[in-house]
Amino acid sequence: MTVLAVCALIFGVGMYTVLTRREIIAILAGVELMLGSANVLFIALASFSGADPGVASAIGLVILVVAAAEAAVGLALVVTLSRRSKRSSIDELTEVNG
């Protein structure tokens, strides 16, 4: 089960990034790492269990599309935030103004 160990390691790196970094872009990168490792683990476990490869690939593709949409929305929010407030750190954001 080397795939499980590699996916757990990558997920752990993503979790460490999310919990320790204060830059918004780094946090989004950590979330993408966690989502990507979960996707790889899902595809690997589906292939090991003998499931239909087409179904596993289709669900993996849906997860990949959701991850891309999440990244696009997150980056759009970061760009808007940096244009309005000239800040990029989570610690500097203490209130939400309309």
C-alpha atoms as a PDB file:
ATOM      1  CA  MET A   1       0.000   0.000   0.000  1.00  0.00           C
ATOM      2  CA  THR A   2       2.627   2.527  -1.022  1.00  0.00           C
ATOM      3  CA  VAL A   3      -0.074   4.632  -2.684  1.00  0.00           C
ATOM      4  CA  LEU A   4      -1.790   5.034   0.665  1.00  0.00           C
ATOM      5  CA  ALA A   5       1.456   6.174   2.298  1.00  0.00           C
ATOM      6  CA  VAL A   6       2.262   8.648  -0.476  1.00  0.00           C
ATOM      7  CA  CYS A   7      -1.261  10.081  -0.444  1.00  0.00           C
ATOM      8  CA  ALA A   8      -1.175  10.373   3.340  1.00  0.00           C
ATOM      9  CA  LEU A   9       2.165  12.178   3.124  1.00  0.00           C
ATOM     10  CA  ILE A  10       0.909  14.622   0.494  1.00  0.00           C
ATOM     11  CA  PHE A  11      -2.293  15.193   2.457  1.00  0.00           C
ATOM     12  CA  GLY A  12      -0.215  15.850   5.574  1.00  0.00           C
ATOM     13  CA  VAL A  13       1.924  18.402   3.734  1.00  0.00           C
ATOM     14  CA  GLY A  14      -1.243  20.149   2.549  1.00  0.00           C
ATOM     15  CA  MET A  15      -2.707  20.137   6.048  1.00  0.00           C
ATOM     16  CA  TYR A  16       0.537  21.507   7.495  1.00  0.00           C
ATOM     17  CA  THR A  17       0.497  24.267   4.877  1.00  0.00           C
ATOM     18  CA  VAL A  18      -3.089  25.234   5.682  1.00  0.00           C
ATOM     19  CA  LEU A  19      -2.491  25.276   9.427  1.00  0.00           C
ATOM     20  CA  THR A  20       0.835  27.126   9.488  1.00  0.00           C
ATOM     21  CA  ARG A  21       0.825  29.610   6.622  1.00  0.00           C
ATOM     22  CA  ARG A  22      -0.806  33.029   6.800  1.00  0.00           C
ATOM     23  CA  GLU A  23      -0.677  33.938   3.109  1.00  0.00           C
ATOM     24  CA  ILE A  24      -3.941  33.318   1.318  1.00  0.00           C
ATOM     25  CA  ILE A  25      -2.305  31.878  -1.813  1.00  0.00           C
ATOM     26  CA  ALA A  26      -0.337  29.356   0.266  1.00  0.00           C
ATOM     27  CA  ILE A  27      -3.518  28.274   2.041  1.00  0.00           C
ATOM     28  CA  LEU A  28      -5.262  27.733  -1.293  1.00  0.00           C
ATOM     29  CA  ALA A  29      -2.267  25.691  -2.507  1.00  0.00           C
ATOM     30  CA  GLY A  30      -2.484  23.526   0.623  1.00  0.00           C
ATOM     31  CA  VAL A  31      -6.185  22.914   0.059  1.00  0.00           C
ATOM     32  CA  GLU A  32      -5.455  21.906  -3.528  1.00  0.00           C
ATOM     33  CA  LEU A  33      -2.791  19.472  -2.318  1.00  0.00           C
ATOM     34  CA  MET A  34      -5.248  17.841   0.067  1.00  0.00           C
ATOM     35  CA  LEU A  35      -7.947  17.575  -2.595  1.00  0.00           C
ATOM     36  CA  GLY A  36      -5.497  16.179  -5.142  1.00  0.00           C
ATOM     37  CA  SER A  37      -4.162  13.531  -2.794  1.00  0.00           C
ATOM     38  CA  ALA A  38      -7.689  12.455  -1.886  1.00  0.00           C
ATOM     39  CA  ASN A  39      -8.514  12.178  -5.580  1.00  0.00           C
ATOM     40  CA  VAL A  40      -5.442  10.032  -6.296  1.00  0.00           C
ATOM     41  CA  LEU A  41      -6.259   7.811  -3.319  1.00  0.00           C
ATOM     42  CA  PHE A  42      -9.840   7.396  -4.508  1.00  0.00           C
ATOM     43  CA  ILE A  43      -8.738   6.343  -8.007  1.00  0.00           C
ATOM     44  CA  ALA A  44      -6.105   3.955  -6.599  1.00  0.00           C
ATOM     45  CA  LEU A  45      -8.513   2.296  -4.187  1.00  0.00           C
ATOM     46  CA  ALA A  46     -11.131   1.955  -6.909  1.00  0.00           C
ATOM     47  CA  SER A  47      -8.629   0.224  -9.168  1.00  0.00           C
ATOM     48  CA  PHE A  48      -7.425  -2.082  -6.367  1.00  0.00           C
ATOM     49  CA  SER A  49     -10.964  -3.099  -5.470  1.00  0.00           C
ATOM     50  CA  GLY A  50     -11.790  -4.182  -8.990  1.00  0.00           C
ATOM     51  CA  ALA A  51     -14.417  -1.530  -9.656  1.00  0.00           C
ATOM     52  CA  ASP A  52     -15.261  -0.478 -13.182  1.00  0.00           C
ATOM     53  CA  PRO A  53     -12.373   1.756 -14.325  1.00  0.00           C
ATOM     54  CA  GLY A  54     -14.718   3.981 -16.305  1.00  0.00           C
ATOM     55  CA  VAL A  55     -16.827   4.825 -13.280  1.00  0.00           C
ATOM     56  CA  ALA A  56     -13.797   5.526 -11.103  1.00  0.00           C
ATOM     57  CA  SER A  57     -12.268   7.726 -13.786  1.00  0.00           C
ATOM     58  CA  ALA A  58     -15.516   9.636 -14.257  1.00  0.00           C
ATOM     59  CA  ILE A  59     -15.829  10.338 -10.537  1.00  0.00           C
ATOM     60  CA  GLY A  60     -12.157  11.336 -10.442  1.00  0.00           C
ATOM     61  CA  LEU A  61     -12.775  13.737 -13.307  1.00  0.00           C
ATOM     62  CA  VAL A  62     -15.729  15.282 -11.462  1.00  0.00           C
ATOM     63  CA  ILE A  63     -13.541  15.772  -8.383  1.00  0.00           C
ATOM     64  CA  LEU A  64     -10.874  17.376 -10.573  1.00  0.00           C
ATOM     65  CA  VAL A  65     -13.428  19.787 -12.085  1.00  0.00           C
ATOM     66  CA  VAL A  66     -14.679  20.737  -8.613  1.00  0.00           C
ATOM     67  CA  ALA A  67     -11.069  21.377  -7.521  1.00  0.00           C
ATOM     68  CA  ALA A  68     -10.481  23.616 -10.538  1.00  0.00           C
ATOM     69  CA  ALA A  69     -13.675  25.552  -9.824  1.00  0.00           C
ATOM     70  CA  GLU A  70     -12.652  25.957  -6.189  1.00  0.00           C
ATOM     71  CA  ALA A  71      -9.253  27.272  -7.230  1.00  0.00           C
ATOM     72  CA  ALA A  72     -10.798  29.724  -9.688  1.00  0.00           C
ATOM     73  CA  VAL A  73     -13.242  31.105  -7.121  1.00  0.00           C
ATOM     74  CA  GLY A  74     -10.554  31.276  -4.439  1.00  0.00           C
ATOM     75  CA  LEU A  75      -8.119  33.113  -6.693  1.00  0.00           C
ATOM     76  CA  ALA A  76     -10.849  35.531  -7.775  1.00  0.00           C
ATOM     77  CA  LEU A  77     -11.541  36.303  -4.124  1.00  0.00           C
ATOM     78  CA  VAL A  78      -7.830  36.816  -3.455  1.00  0.00           C
ATOM     79  CA  VAL A  79      -7.456  39.192  -6.398  1.00  0.00           C
ATOM     80  CA  THR A  80     -10.500  41.182  -5.301  1.00  0.00           C
ATOM     81  CA  LEU A  81      -9.253  41.305  -1.720  1.00  0.00           C
ATOM     82  CA  SER A  82      -5.777  42.450  -2.696  1.00  0.00           C
ATOM     83  CA  ARG A  83      -7.139  45.168  -4.988  1.00  0.00           C
ATOM     84  CA  ARG A  84      -9.482  46.566  -2.356  1.00  0.00           C
ATOM     85  CA  SER A  85      -7.431  46.353   0.818  1.00  0.00           C
ATOM     86  CA  LYS A  86      -3.807  45.830  -0.379  1.00  0.00           C
ATOM     87  CA  ARG A  87      -3.480  42.942   2.082  1.00  0.00           C
ATOM     88  CA  SER A  88      -2.604  39.315   1.490  1.00  0.00           C
ATOM     89  CA  SER A  89      -2.286  37.880   4.998  1.00  0.00           C
ATOM     90  CA  ILE A  90      -5.066  36.209   6.948  1.00  0.00           C
ATOM     91  CA  ASP A  91      -3.944  37.916  10.180  1.00  0.00           C
ATOM     92  CA  GLU A  92      -4.526  41.372   8.711  1.00  0.00           C
ATOM     93  CA  LEU A  93      -8.128  40.629   7.838  1.00  0.00           C
ATOM     94  CA  THR A  94     -10.119  41.261  10.988  1.00  0.00           C
ATOM     95  CA  GLU A  95     -13.436  42.553   9.701  1.00  0.00           C
ATOM     96  CA  VAL A  96     -15.629  42.364   6.637  1.00  0.00           C
ATOM     97  CA  ASN A  97     -16.769  45.631   5.120  1.00  0.00           C
ATOM     98  CA  GLY A  98     -19.556  45.847   2.583  1.00  0.00           C
END
